[in-house]
Amino acid sequence: MTHTHHRLSHLNVLVSGASVAGPALALNLARYGARVTVVERAPALRGGGFAVDFRGHVHREVLTGMGIWDEIHARQTHMGAQSVVDADGTPRVALPAQMMSGDVEIFRGELAQIMYERTEDRVEYVFGDSITALTETPDGIEVTFERGAPRRFDLVVGADGLHSNTRRLVFGDESRYLRFFDHYVAGFPVPNHLGLDRGGLLYSEPGRCVVINNYDGDPDRAGALLVFRSERLTYDRRDTGAQKRILAERFADMGWQTPHVLKALDETDDLYFDAIAQIHVDRLAKGRVVLLGDAGYGATMGGMGTGVAVVGAYVLAGELALAGGDHRTAFTEYESRITGFAKGCQKISGNAGPFFAPPTERRIRSRDRMYRLLSSRLLAGFFKRLTEKAATDIELRDYPA
């Protein structure tokens, strides 16, 4: 083993969160020999989830450097085109796979599993626990956990999502950083009663939208995505029943396949529900604590958040390796290199709600006309370059192999 692989062997790092950003950083840090512990509130690695995509040469370079590009391709969704439909199911416009699914697409849970499998023999994973307090000392950080015994680490990385507990403990209340974009989104499994095969259908009425899609060819199961325009709602993020009642009320009189979707909603125990929002912090690091992915620059949907998180993990680990573990130097470089890139990707996500759920019939028709043009052969290449511009707007340094 070369000196490169021992570059961070003196560093003991705690990563909070085992969705995507956490395992991505664990994989990159482990390559440099760091001792890494990942703590995750959930009782086990979470499977399923939305499909996430990668696009452009930067994503490919990072995933290749991490050694997982080929496996992602082997486990990709092979999603086809999706169509916007009328209330009677008549197609209005087709959205090509390249537009919706990038160069390669994979379920979030599959991606997390790949990175977990690559690190489980070198990284300590602690499930069913979370951080309750962080106290910085001259030599490190004393960490108190909800269940486990207190421990000391050199660095702590908050990779625990849009509603980051780490960010709250160190940087302050979420209300200071979360920008609400006037929409909510929900996702859950539904029976594949339409017989979809790696395709999707999208139906919009003013201020709300229902999507039914099938990413993996399963003849029995599909997924539903619901988006609706709303004022800021007050609800318990852990109260699934309350979230179901909100959705049932908002979509009660909607046409197309909505009654079938609401029946599946009532029966499911696997519901994702959140505001369409972004995170904007003044700084990504404070002392020995640094934020990664959605915790520091997240977007609920439409902002290539997974790609940004994976690139961020690659850059953060690379900067720590170049700095020989000096967190002050590494965090400064990481922040300067990732902030503009992340903000550029966030700008794309600002239109996610209005794309799915335009506020008026006129806006719905305008959206359909625009995407009919953009999906034409004449403009398809232009649209591809447009979507890749933000995804490639970062110059990667030559980090140790």
Protein backbone atom coordinates (compact mmCIF):
# COMPACT_ATOMS: atom_id res chain seq x y z
CA MET A 1 0.00 0.00 0.00
CA THR A 2 1.36 3.41 -0.97
CA HIS A 3 1.91 6.43 1.20
CA THR A 4 -1.18 8.01 -0.42
CA HIS A 5 -3.43 5.44 1.22
CA HIS A 6 -2.04 6.35 4.65
CA ARG A 7 -2.27 10.10 4.09
CA LEU A 8 -5.09 10.60 6.65
CA SER A 9 -4.48 7.60 8.90
CA HIS A 10 -4.12 9.91 11.90
CA LEU A 11 -7.58 11.43 11.38
CA ASN A 12 -10.69 10.24 13.24
CA VAL A 13 -13.84 11.55 11.56
CA LEU A 14 -17.51 11.29 12.56
CA VAL A 15 -20.03 11.60 9.71
CA SER A 16 -23.68 12.19 10.60
CA GLY A 17 -26.02 10.70 8.00
CA ALA A 18 -25.99 7.53 5.86
CA SER A 19 -28.18 8.51 2.92
CA VAL A 20 -25.84 9.44 0.04
CA ALA A 21 -23.50 12.24 1.11
CA GLY A 22 -22.35 10.36 4.23
CA PRO A 23 -21.37 7.07 2.55
CA ALA A 24 -19.84 9.05 -0.35
CA LEU A 25 -17.56 10.90 2.05
CA ALA A 26 -16.81 7.71 3.98
CA LEU A 27 -15.73 6.02 0.75
CA ASN A 28 -13.47 8.92 -0.23
CA LEU A 29 -11.94 9.33 3.23
CA ALA A 30 -11.34 5.59 3.56
CA ARG A 31 -9.30 5.72 0.34
CA TYR A 32 -6.90 8.04 2.18
CA GLY A 33 -6.75 5.85 5.28
CA ALA A 34 -8.89 7.97 7.62
CA ARG A 35 -10.75 6.30 10.48
CA VAL A 36 -14.40 7.01 9.78
CA THR A 37 -17.56 6.46 11.82
CA VAL A 38 -20.97 7.06 10.22
CA VAL A 39 -23.91 7.53 12.59
CA GLU A 40 -27.46 7.27 11.23
CA ARG A 41 -30.76 7.82 13.04
CA ALA A 42 -32.56 5.17 10.96
CA PRO A 43 -32.32 1.56 12.22
CA ALA A 44 -30.70 0.37 8.97
CA LEU A 45 -29.51 1.59 5.60
CA ARG A 46 -32.57 2.92 3.82
CA GLY A 47 -33.43 1.34 0.49
CA GLY A 48 -35.68 2.54 -2.31
CA GLY A 49 -36.29 6.25 -2.54
CA PHE A 50 -36.45 8.42 -5.62
CA ALA A 51 -34.33 7.76 -8.69
CA VAL A 52 -31.33 10.10 -8.88
CA ASP A 53 -29.30 10.94 -11.96
CA PHE A 54 -25.82 12.00 -12.98
CA ARG A 55 -24.91 14.05 -16.02
CA GLY A 56 -21.81 15.55 -17.57
CA HIS A 57 -18.07 14.92 -17.38
CA VAL A 58 -17.59 16.16 -13.79
CA HIS A 59 -20.01 13.61 -12.32
CA ARG A 60 -18.39 10.89 -14.42
CA GLU A 61 -14.85 11.87 -13.34
CA VAL A 62 -15.82 11.86 -9.67
CA LEU A 63 -17.69 8.54 -9.79
CA THR A 64 -14.84 6.97 -11.74
CA GLY A 65 -12.34 8.26 -9.20
CA MET A 66 -14.45 6.71 -6.45
CA GLY A 67 -14.43 3.41 -8.32
CA ILE A 68 -18.22 3.10 -8.63
CA TRP A 69 -19.03 4.38 -12.14
CA ASP A 70 -19.24 0.89 -13.68
CA GLU A 71 -21.40 -0.49 -10.89
CA ILE A 72 -23.81 2.43 -11.12
CA HIS A 73 -24.17 1.69 -14.82
CA ALA A 74 -24.75 -1.99 -14.07
CA ARG A 75 -27.55 -1.12 -11.63
CA GLN A 76 -29.10 1.83 -13.47
CA THR A 77 -32.86 2.17 -14.00
CA HIS A 78 -32.88 2.28 -17.83
CA MET A 79 -35.80 4.69 -17.51
CA GLY A 80 -37.50 5.61 -20.77
CA ALA A 81 -39.53 8.62 -21.83
CA GLN A 82 -42.23 10.20 -19.68
CA SER A 83 -45.36 11.85 -21.03
CA VAL A 84 -47.58 14.72 -19.94
CA VAL A 85 -51.20 13.60 -20.33
CA ASP A 86 -54.74 15.02 -20.33
CA ALA A 87 -57.38 13.97 -17.82
CA ASP A 88 -58.43 11.13 -20.17
CA GLY A 89 -54.82 9.92 -20.49
CA THR A 90 -54.20 11.38 -23.96
CA PRO A 91 -50.49 12.30 -24.33
CA ARG A 92 -49.82 16.03 -24.71
CA VAL A 93 -46.02 16.05 -24.83
CA ALA A 94 -43.26 13.46 -24.43
CA LEU A 95 -40.30 14.20 -22.17
CA PRO A 96 -37.26 12.23 -23.44
CA ALA A 97 -35.26 10.09 -21.03
CA GLN A 98 -32.19 12.29 -21.45
CA MET A 99 -34.17 15.30 -20.24
CA MET A 100 -35.52 13.65 -17.09
CA SER A 101 -32.90 11.00 -16.26
CA GLY A 102 -29.50 12.40 -17.27
CA ASP A 103 -26.65 10.22 -18.53
CA VAL A 104 -27.25 7.51 -15.97
CA GLU A 105 -29.94 7.09 -13.32
CA ILE A 106 -30.14 4.87 -10.24
CA PHE A 107 -32.38 4.55 -7.21
CA ARG A 108 -31.05 6.53 -4.25
CA GLY A 109 -31.13 3.41 -2.08
CA GLU A 110 -29.17 1.41 -4.67
CA LEU A 111 -26.50 4.12 -4.78
CA ALA A 112 -26.22 4.18 -0.99
CA GLN A 113 -25.96 0.38 -0.96
CA ILE A 114 -23.09 0.42 -3.47
CA MET A 115 -21.08 2.85 -1.34
CA TYR A 116 -21.95 1.01 1.87
CA GLU A 117 -20.77 -2.30 0.41
CA ARG A 118 -17.49 -0.66 -0.64
CA THR A 119 -16.84 0.67 2.87
CA GLU A 120 -18.47 -1.63 5.44
CA ASP A 121 -15.19 -3.46 6.15
CA ARG A 122 -13.23 -0.20 6.62
CA VAL A 123 -15.84 2.18 8.08
CA GLU A 124 -17.78 1.89 11.34
CA TYR A 125 -21.53 2.29 10.77
CA VAL A 126 -23.73 2.99 13.80
CA PHE A 127 -27.46 2.77 13.05
CA GLY A 128 -30.34 3.76 15.31
CA ASP A 129 -28.48 6.62 16.98
CA SER A 130 -27.92 10.35 16.57
CA ILE A 131 -25.85 13.23 17.93
CA THR A 132 -27.29 15.22 20.84
CA ALA A 133 -24.38 17.53 21.71
CA LEU A 134 -21.04 18.67 20.31
CA THR A 135 -18.36 20.30 22.44
CA GLU A 136 -15.17 21.47 20.74
CA THR A 137 -11.90 21.28 22.66
CA PRO A 138 -8.36 22.29 21.64
CA ASP A 139 -7.71 18.69 20.55
CA GLY A 140 -10.98 17.61 18.99
CA ILE A 141 -14.73 17.37 19.50
CA GLU A 142 -16.49 15.61 22.35
CA VAL A 143 -19.67 14.05 20.98
CA THR A 144 -22.69 12.97 22.99
CA PHE A 145 -25.12 10.53 21.42
CA GLU A 146 -28.77 9.77 22.05
CA ARG A 147 -27.99 6.12 22.85
CA GLY A 148 -24.29 5.39 22.60
CA ALA A 149 -21.52 6.39 25.00
CA PRO A 150 -19.79 9.76 24.49
CA ARG A 151 -16.80 9.71 22.14
CA ARG A 152 -14.10 12.06 20.89
CA PHE A 153 -13.36 12.79 17.21
CA ASP A 154 -11.02 15.06 15.32
CA LEU A 155 -13.71 16.28 12.92
CA VAL A 156 -17.50 16.06 12.55
CA VAL A 157 -19.27 16.24 9.19
CA GLY A 158 -22.97 17.04 8.98
CA ALA A 159 -24.25 15.01 6.02
CA ASP A 160 -27.69 14.52 7.52
CA GLY A 161 -29.93 16.15 4.96
CA LEU A 162 -32.09 19.19 4.44
CA HIS A 163 -33.29 19.10 8.07
CA SER A 164 -29.80 18.51 9.46
CA ASN A 165 -29.52 17.90 13.18
CA THR A 166 -25.78 18.68 13.05
CA ARG A 167 -26.46 22.05 11.44
CA ARG A 168 -29.03 22.87 14.11
CA LEU A 169 -26.63 22.01 16.94
CA VAL A 170 -23.70 24.02 15.58
CA PHE A 171 -25.06 26.70 13.25
CA GLY A 172 -28.50 27.42 14.71
CA ASP A 173 -32.15 26.82 13.99
CA GLU A 174 -33.26 25.62 10.56
CA SER A 175 -35.52 28.64 10.09
CA ARG A 176 -32.42 30.77 9.51
CA TYR A 177 -31.33 28.74 6.49
CA LEU A 178 -34.35 27.10 4.85
CA ARG A 179 -35.99 28.93 1.94
CA PHE A 180 -39.49 27.69 1.14
CA PHE A 181 -40.54 27.63 -2.53
CA ASP A 182 -44.32 27.59 -2.16
CA HIS A 183 -44.80 23.90 -2.96
CA TYR A 184 -44.80 20.50 -1.27
CA VAL A 185 -43.86 17.12 -2.70
CA ALA A 186 -44.77 13.56 -1.71
CA GLY A 187 -43.69 10.17 -2.98
CA PHE A 188 -44.88 6.63 -2.24
CA PRO A 189 -45.32 3.23 -3.94
CA VAL A 190 -48.52 2.40 -5.83
CA PRO A 191 -49.75 -0.68 -7.71
CA ASN A 192 -48.70 -0.68 -11.36
CA HIS A 193 -52.33 -0.77 -12.54
CA LEU A 194 -51.45 1.09 -15.76
CA GLY A 195 -48.93 -1.54 -16.81
CA LEU A 196 -46.07 0.95 -17.11
CA ASP A 197 -42.68 -0.42 -18.12
CA ARG A 198 -39.82 2.00 -17.40
CA GLY A 199 -41.95 4.99 -18.26
CA GLY A 200 -43.99 7.65 -16.57
CA LEU A 201 -47.14 9.75 -16.93
CA LEU A 202 -47.60 13.27 -15.58
CA TYR A 203 -50.96 14.99 -15.11
CA SER A 204 -51.32 18.59 -13.97
CA GLU A 205 -54.18 20.75 -12.83
CA PRO A 206 -53.63 24.33 -11.64
CA GLY A 207 -51.42 24.22 -8.56
CA ARG A 208 -51.12 20.43 -8.32
CA CYS A 209 -49.71 17.45 -10.14
CA VAL A 210 -49.80 13.64 -10.03
CA VAL A 211 -47.05 11.55 -11.60
CA ILE A 212 -47.12 7.76 -11.88
CA ASN A 213 -43.87 6.14 -12.98
CA ASN A 214 -42.20 2.77 -13.23
CA TYR A 215 -38.39 2.86 -13.22
CA ASP A 216 -37.41 -0.78 -12.97
CA GLY A 217 -39.85 -2.76 -15.10
CA ASP A 218 -41.62 -4.33 -12.10
CA PRO A 219 -45.04 -5.37 -13.45
CA ASP A 220 -46.66 -5.04 -10.04
CA ARG A 221 -45.21 -1.88 -8.51
CA ALA A 222 -44.93 1.74 -9.59
CA GLY A 223 -44.29 5.01 -7.81
CA ALA A 224 -46.43 8.10 -7.32
CA LEU A 225 -45.14 11.65 -7.06
CA LEU A 226 -47.51 14.36 -5.86
CA VAL A 227 -46.69 18.08 -6.02
CA PHE A 228 -48.95 20.91 -4.89
CA ARG A 229 -48.73 24.65 -4.43
CA SER A 230 -49.37 25.85 -0.89
CA GLU A 231 -48.73 28.36 1.79
CA ARG A 232 -46.30 27.23 4.50
CA LEU A 233 -47.88 24.38 6.45
CA THR A 234 -47.41 23.47 10.09
CA TYR A 235 -47.16 19.71 10.68
CA ASP A 236 -45.10 17.11 12.51
CA ARG A 237 -42.50 15.67 10.12
CA ARG A 238 -42.77 12.31 11.92
CA ASP A 239 -46.59 12.16 11.84
CA THR A 240 -47.33 10.19 8.68
CA GLY A 241 -51.05 10.19 9.38
CA ALA A 242 -51.17 13.99 9.40
CA GLN A 243 -49.25 14.12 6.13
CA LYS A 244 -51.66 11.67 4.52
CA ARG A 245 -54.61 13.83 5.61
CA ILE A 246 -53.00 16.92 4.05
CA LEU A 247 -52.50 15.09 0.74
CA ALA A 248 -55.98 13.53 0.74
CA GLU A 249 -57.53 16.97 1.26
CA ARG A 250 -55.42 18.72 -1.41
CA PHE A 251 -56.02 16.06 -4.08
CA ALA A 252 -59.56 14.96 -3.17
CA ASP A 253 -61.32 16.22 -6.30
CA MET A 254 -58.48 15.82 -8.82
CA GLY A 255 -59.07 13.93 -12.05
CA TRP A 256 -57.20 11.32 -14.10
CA GLN A 257 -55.83 8.42 -11.97
CA THR A 258 -55.84 10.37 -8.71
CA PRO A 259 -58.50 8.22 -6.92
CA HIS A 260 -56.32 5.11 -7.46
CA VAL A 261 -53.28 7.02 -6.19
CA LEU A 262 -55.08 8.24 -3.05
CA LYS A 263 -56.24 4.69 -2.29
CA ALA A 264 -52.59 3.56 -2.40
CA LEU A 265 -51.64 6.53 -0.24
CA ASP A 266 -54.12 5.46 2.42
CA GLU A 267 -52.65 1.93 2.47
CA THR A 268 -48.93 2.70 2.33
CA ASP A 269 -46.52 2.82 5.26
CA ASP A 270 -43.72 4.18 3.04
CA LEU A 271 -44.39 7.90 2.54
CA TYR A 272 -41.99 10.73 1.77
CA PHE A 273 -43.40 14.22 2.35
CA ASP A 274 -41.55 17.53 2.49
CA ALA A 275 -41.54 21.14 1.40
CA ILE A 276 -39.83 22.07 -1.84
CA ALA A 277 -37.07 24.16 -0.33
CA GLN A 278 -33.40 25.04 -0.41
CA ILE A 279 -30.73 25.48 2.25
CA HIS A 280 -28.57 28.63 2.19
CA VAL A 281 -25.96 28.98 4.94
CA ASP A 282 -23.51 31.81 5.49
CA ARG A 283 -20.61 29.36 5.83
CA LEU A 284 -20.09 25.63 5.56
CA ALA A 285 -17.62 25.20 8.41
CA LYS A 286 -17.37 26.24 12.01
CA GLY A 287 -14.33 25.07 13.93
CA ARG A 288 -14.01 21.33 13.47
CA VAL A 289 -17.53 20.87 12.06
CA VAL A 290 -18.35 21.09 8.36
CA LEU A 291 -21.57 20.65 6.35
CA LEU A 292 -21.88 18.45 3.28
CA GLY A 293 -24.62 17.92 0.69
CA ASP A 294 -28.20 18.87 1.52
CA ALA A 295 -27.21 19.93 5.04
CA GLY A 296 -25.15 22.78 3.59
CA TYR A 297 -26.52 23.49 0.13
CA GLY A 298 -29.54 21.28 -0.38
CA ALA A 299 -32.54 21.46 -2.67
CA THR A 300 -35.53 19.15 -2.23
CA MET A 301 -35.81 18.33 -5.93
CA GLY A 302 -34.64 19.47 -9.34
CA GLY A 303 -31.22 20.79 -8.30
CA MET A 304 -29.09 17.72 -8.99
CA GLY A 305 -28.66 17.44 -5.23
CA THR A 306 -27.23 13.93 -5.32
CA GLY A 307 -24.63 14.86 -7.92
CA VAL A 308 -23.67 17.96 -5.93
CA ALA A 309 -23.38 15.93 -2.72
CA VAL A 310 -21.14 13.30 -4.33
CA VAL A 311 -18.92 15.95 -5.90
CA GLY A 312 -18.81 17.77 -2.55
CA ALA A 313 -17.73 14.59 -0.77
CA TYR A 314 -14.99 14.03 -3.33
CA VAL A 315 -13.73 17.62 -2.99
CA LEU A 316 -13.88 17.65 0.83
CA ALA A 317 -11.93 14.40 1.17
CA GLY A 318 -9.47 15.51 -1.52
CA GLU A 319 -8.79 18.82 0.22
CA LEU A 320 -8.24 17.07 3.55
CA ALA A 321 -5.77 14.74 1.83
CA LEU A 322 -3.90 17.61 0.16
CA ALA A 323 -3.76 19.47 3.49
CA GLY A 324 -2.53 16.41 5.36
CA GLY A 325 -5.59 16.54 7.61
CA ASP A 326 -5.29 20.26 8.48
CA HIS A 327 -8.99 21.01 8.71
CA ARG A 328 -8.61 24.79 8.69
CA THR A 329 -6.88 24.78 5.30
CA ALA A 330 -9.05 21.97 3.90
CA PHE A 331 -12.39 23.45 4.98
CA THR A 332 -11.49 26.85 3.52
CA GLU A 333 -10.55 25.33 0.17
CA TYR A 334 -13.61 23.06 0.15
CA GLU A 335 -15.94 25.96 0.81
CA SER A 336 -14.36 28.20 -1.83
CA ARG A 337 -14.55 25.47 -4.47
CA ILE A 338 -17.97 24.00 -3.80
CA THR A 339 -20.11 27.05 -2.91
CA GLY A 340 -20.45 28.58 -6.38
CA PHE A 341 -20.96 25.17 -7.97
CA ALA A 342 -23.70 24.28 -5.48
CA LYS A 343 -25.49 27.60 -5.87
CA GLY A 344 -25.50 27.21 -9.65
CA CYS A 345 -27.22 23.85 -9.32
CA GLN A 346 -29.68 25.26 -6.78
CA LYS A 347 -30.81 27.89 -9.29
CA ILE A 348 -32.16 25.14 -11.53
CA SER A 349 -34.29 23.71 -8.72
CA GLY A 350 -36.15 26.97 -8.11
CA ASN A 351 -38.55 26.10 -10.93
CA ALA A 352 -39.31 22.54 -9.84
CA GLY A 353 -42.68 23.30 -8.25
CA PRO A 354 -44.05 25.44 -11.10
CA PHE A 355 -42.83 22.88 -13.66
CA PHE A 356 -44.89 20.09 -12.12
CA ALA A 357 -47.80 22.22 -10.87
CA PRO A 358 -48.19 25.46 -12.87
CA PRO A 359 -50.63 27.84 -11.12
CA THR A 360 -53.11 28.26 -14.02
CA GLU A 361 -54.38 26.36 -17.06
CA ARG A 362 -52.66 28.94 -19.23
CA ARG A 363 -49.33 28.25 -17.53
CA ILE A 364 -49.88 24.52 -17.97
CA ARG A 365 -50.36 24.98 -21.72
CA SER A 366 -47.30 27.26 -21.89
CA ARG A 367 -45.18 24.65 -20.10
CA ASP A 368 -46.32 21.95 -22.49
CA ARG A 369 -45.52 24.08 -25.54
CA MET A 370 -42.06 24.94 -24.20
CA TYR A 371 -41.12 21.34 -23.44
CA ARG A 372 -42.53 20.18 -26.77
CA LEU A 373 -40.05 22.52 -28.42
CA LEU A 374 -37.15 21.59 -26.12
CA SER A 375 -37.70 17.88 -26.71
CA SER A 376 -37.67 18.27 -30.48
CA ARG A 377 -34.67 16.92 -32.38
CA LEU A 378 -33.68 20.48 -33.29
CA LEU A 379 -33.39 21.69 -29.69
CA ALA A 380 -32.61 18.46 -27.81
CA GLY A 381 -28.86 19.05 -27.97
CA PHE A 382 -29.28 22.62 -26.74
CA PHE A 383 -31.35 21.45 -23.78
CA LYS A 384 -28.79 18.77 -22.92
CA ARG A 385 -26.00 21.37 -22.88
CA LEU A 386 -28.17 23.69 -20.78
CA THR A 387 -28.81 21.09 -18.09
CA GLU A 388 -25.16 20.00 -18.04
CA LYS A 389 -23.82 23.54 -17.69
CA ALA A 390 -24.49 23.76 -13.95
CA ALA A 391 -23.46 20.12 -13.39
CA THR A 392 -20.02 20.75 -14.90
CA ASP A 393 -19.35 24.26 -13.60
CA ILE A 394 -16.49 23.29 -11.31
CA GLU A 395 -12.81 22.63 -11.98
CA LEU A 396 -11.64 19.61 -10.03
CA ARG A 397 -8.16 19.70 -8.58
CA ASP A 398 -5.68 16.89 -9.08
CA TYR A 399 -6.32 15.08 -5.81
CA PRO A 400 -4.17 12.13 -4.68
CA ALA A 401 -5.20 8.92 -6.44
